[in-house]
């Protein structure tokens, strides 16, 4: 192998390591059996959700993972693999893959994944896909945090209204 090709491959491995390190999540899928049209639809869905979907050489991805200190992915890096790198929404890659798996009659197979640098198996990817989106979790949390304050405001308002009615009745009795 020429020195130039070796340098190119080293650069590709470095780029893969950056993608892995910066991804909030990663899903490795076997895409064997998808038609070109289905693959194009899948790529569009990933792009729409801010997920980078790439087909990379298994050997180079394996080298990248090993250089990052993990061998958990080695057994999954065989066959026709594609890699979905999640950005801000760590649930998106898993959710899109599982929805597409149903849509394309199981032509797409989940192998494994990663969340915040930790290996997850196929079952972990399925559980990740069932989580609500980050925005929905935040909205629920804010709702839970606001509920006691809203209830307190309601009680205080009711108490003040009751006090005003009471004082009004006393004033009417003294006038009579």
Protein backbone atom coordinates (compact mmCIF):
# COMPACT_ATOMS: atom_id res chain seq x y z
CA UNK A 1 0.00 0.00 0.00
CA UNK A 2 1.43 3.37 -0.96
CA UNK A 3 2.25 5.98 1.64
CA UNK A 4 -0.34 8.36 0.16
CA UNK A 5 -3.17 5.81 0.47
CA UNK A 6 -2.09 4.98 4.01
CA UNK A 7 -2.22 8.68 4.95
CA UNK A 8 -5.69 8.99 3.41
CA UNK A 9 -6.93 6.04 5.45
CA UNK A 10 -5.40 7.48 8.63
CA UNK A 11 -7.26 10.72 7.93
CA UNK A 12 -10.51 8.84 7.37
CA UNK A 13 -10.04 7.01 10.69
CA UNK A 14 -9.45 10.38 12.42
CA UNK A 15 -12.64 11.75 10.85
CA UNK A 16 -14.59 8.69 12.01
CA UNK A 17 -13.21 9.09 15.53
CA UNK A 18 -14.39 12.73 15.54
CA UNK A 19 -17.86 11.69 14.39
CA UNK A 20 -18.08 8.99 17.06
CA UNK A 21 -16.81 11.29 19.81
CA UNK A 22 -19.10 14.18 18.92
CA UNK A 23 -22.25 12.09 18.34
CA UNK A 24 -24.81 12.05 21.15
CA UNK A 25 -25.86 8.63 19.86
CA UNK A 26 -25.02 6.16 17.15
CA UNK A 27 -26.97 3.30 15.61
CA UNK A 28 -25.34 0.63 13.44
CA UNK A 29 -27.74 -0.97 10.97
CA UNK A 30 -27.57 -3.69 8.37
CA UNK A 31 -29.24 -2.18 5.32
CA UNK A 32 -29.02 -5.26 3.06
CA UNK A 33 -32.19 -5.63 1.03
CA UNK A 34 -33.17 -1.96 0.79
CA UNK A 35 -33.87 -0.69 -2.69
CA UNK A 36 -32.23 2.53 -3.91
CA UNK A 37 -35.57 4.33 -3.55
CA UNK A 38 -36.01 3.11 0.04
CA UNK A 39 -32.43 4.08 0.90
CA UNK A 40 -32.97 7.55 -0.56
CA UNK A 41 -36.17 7.97 1.50
CA UNK A 42 -34.33 6.81 4.61
CA UNK A 43 -31.47 9.26 4.03
CA UNK A 44 -33.97 12.11 3.57
CA UNK A 45 -35.67 11.20 6.85
CA UNK A 46 -32.33 11.20 8.67
CA UNK A 47 -31.34 14.56 7.14
CA UNK A 48 -34.68 16.08 8.17
CA UNK A 49 -33.98 15.07 11.79
CA UNK A 50 -30.37 16.28 11.83
CA UNK A 51 -28.90 12.77 11.79
CA UNK A 52 -25.85 11.97 9.68
CA UNK A 53 -26.28 8.63 7.92
CA UNK A 54 -23.18 7.18 6.27
CA UNK A 55 -21.89 3.94 4.86
CA UNK A 56 -18.31 3.51 6.05
CA UNK A 57 -15.73 0.75 5.73
CA UNK A 58 -16.15 -1.63 8.65
CA UNK A 59 -12.41 -2.11 9.04
CA UNK A 60 -11.78 1.64 9.37
CA UNK A 61 -14.66 2.05 11.84
CA UNK A 62 -13.28 -0.87 13.87
CA UNK A 63 -9.85 0.81 13.97
CA UNK A 64 -11.48 4.08 15.08
CA UNK A 65 -13.43 2.39 17.89
CA UNK A 66 -10.33 0.48 19.00
CA UNK A 67 -8.27 3.68 19.07
CA UNK A 68 -11.03 5.25 21.19
CA UNK A 69 -10.58 2.37 23.63
CA UNK A 70 -13.55 0.12 22.95
CA UNK A 71 -13.81 -3.30 21.37
CA UNK A 72 -17.55 -3.70 22.10
CA UNK A 73 -18.46 -2.99 18.48
CA UNK A 74 -15.98 -5.37 16.83
CA UNK A 75 -18.41 -8.28 16.40
CA UNK A 76 -21.06 -6.00 14.81
CA UNK A 77 -18.71 -4.58 12.19
CA UNK A 78 -19.22 -7.26 9.55
CA UNK A 79 -21.50 -7.28 6.53
CA UNK A 80 -23.38 -4.35 5.01
CA UNK A 81 -23.41 -1.69 7.71
CA UNK A 82 -24.53 1.90 7.76
CA UNK A 83 -23.99 4.30 10.64
CA UNK A 84 -26.52 6.86 11.89
CA UNK A 85 -24.82 9.56 13.98
CA UNK A 86 -27.21 11.52 16.22
CA UNK A 87 -26.77 15.19 16.94
CA UNK A 88 -28.81 17.17 19.45
CA UNK A 89 -31.63 14.62 19.63
CA UNK A 90 -30.07 11.37 20.80
CA UNK A 91 -33.34 9.45 20.28
CA UNK A 92 -33.75 10.37 16.58
CA UNK A 93 -31.41 7.79 14.99
CA UNK A 94 -32.95 4.87 16.91
CA UNK A 95 -36.52 6.06 16.35
CA UNK A 96 -36.02 6.57 12.60
CA UNK A 97 -34.32 3.18 12.19
CA UNK A 98 -37.06 1.30 14.04
CA UNK A 99 -39.85 3.16 12.21
CA UNK A 100 -38.12 2.42 8.90
CA UNK A 101 -37.67 -1.21 9.89
CA UNK A 102 -41.46 -1.53 10.17
CA UNK A 103 -42.04 0.55 7.04
CA UNK A 104 -39.69 -1.53 4.88
CA UNK A 105 -40.85 -4.94 6.11
CA UNK A 106 -37.76 -5.70 8.22
CA UNK A 107 -35.24 -5.16 5.40
CA UNK A 108 -33.32 -2.98 7.84
CA UNK A 109 -31.78 -4.67 10.90
CA UNK A 110 -30.50 -2.95 14.03
CA UNK A 111 -27.16 -4.34 15.17
CA UNK A 112 -26.20 -2.15 18.11
CA UNK A 113 -25.59 1.43 19.08
CA UNK A 114 -24.01 3.93 21.40
CA UNK A 115 -25.35 6.60 23.74
CA UNK A 116 -22.97 9.15 25.25
CA UNK A 117 -19.99 6.94 24.45
CA UNK A 118 -21.49 3.78 25.98
CA UNK A 119 -22.24 0.61 23.99
CA UNK A 120 -25.88 -0.50 23.80
CA UNK A 121 -27.11 -3.73 22.24
CA UNK A 122 -30.06 -4.15 19.88
CA UNK A 123 -32.53 -4.20 22.79
CA UNK A 124 -30.99 -0.99 24.16
CA UNK A 125 -31.51 0.70 20.79
CA UNK A 126 -35.17 -0.38 20.83
CA UNK A 127 -35.62 1.02 24.34
CA UNK A 128 -33.92 4.25 23.28
CA UNK A 129 -36.34 4.58 20.34
CA UNK A 130 -39.30 4.39 22.73
CA UNK A 131 -38.15 7.39 24.75
CA UNK A 132 -40.03 10.60 24.05
CA UNK A 133 -38.11 13.41 22.34
CA UNK A 134 -35.98 15.68 24.53
CA UNK A 135 -38.35 18.64 24.05
CA UNK A 136 -41.30 16.58 25.28
CA UNK A 137 -39.39 15.43 28.38
CA UNK A 138 -38.42 19.03 29.16
CA UNK A 139 -42.03 20.18 28.70
CA UNK A 140 -43.27 17.48 31.10
CA UNK A 141 -40.60 18.40 33.63
CA UNK A 142 -41.50 22.09 33.44
CA UNK A 143 -45.18 21.21 33.82
CA UNK A 144 -44.38 19.22 36.97
CA UNK A 145 -42.31 22.08 38.34
CA UNK A 146 -45.00 24.69 37.59
CA UNK A 147 -47.91 22.70 39.03
CA UNK A 148 -47.13 23.36 42.73
CA UNK A 149 -46.63 27.08 42.05
CA UNK A 150 -49.90 27.29 40.12
CA UNK A 151 -51.73 25.44 42.90
CA UNK A 152 -50.26 27.77 45.53
CA UNK A 153 -51.35 30.80 43.52
CA UNK A 154 -54.87 29.35 43.22
CA UNK A 155 -55.09 28.68 46.97
CA UNK A 156 -53.80 32.16 47.83
CA UNK A 157 -56.28 33.73 45.41
CA UNK A 158 -59.15 31.71 46.92
CA UNK A 159 -58.07 32.65 50.45
CA UNK A 160 -57.87 36.33 49.53
CA UNK A 161 -61.29 36.17 47.84
CA UNK A 162 -62.73 34.47 50.92
CA UNK A 163 -61.19 37.12 53.19
CA UNK A 164 -62.61 39.92 51.03
CA UNK A 165 -66.10 38.37 51.16
CA UNK A 166 -65.81 37.97 54.94
CA UNK A 167 -64.72 41.57 55.45
CA UNK A 168 -67.52 42.76 53.18
CA UNK A 169 -70.11 40.84 55.25
CA UNK A 170 -68.73 42.29 58.50
CA UNK A 171 -68.88 45.79 57.02
CA UNK A 172 -72.52 45.23 55.94
CA UNK A 173 -73.47 43.97 59.42
CA UNK A 174 -71.90 47.01 61.11
CA UNK A 175 -73.76 49.36 58.77
CA UNK A 176 -77.10 47.73 59.52
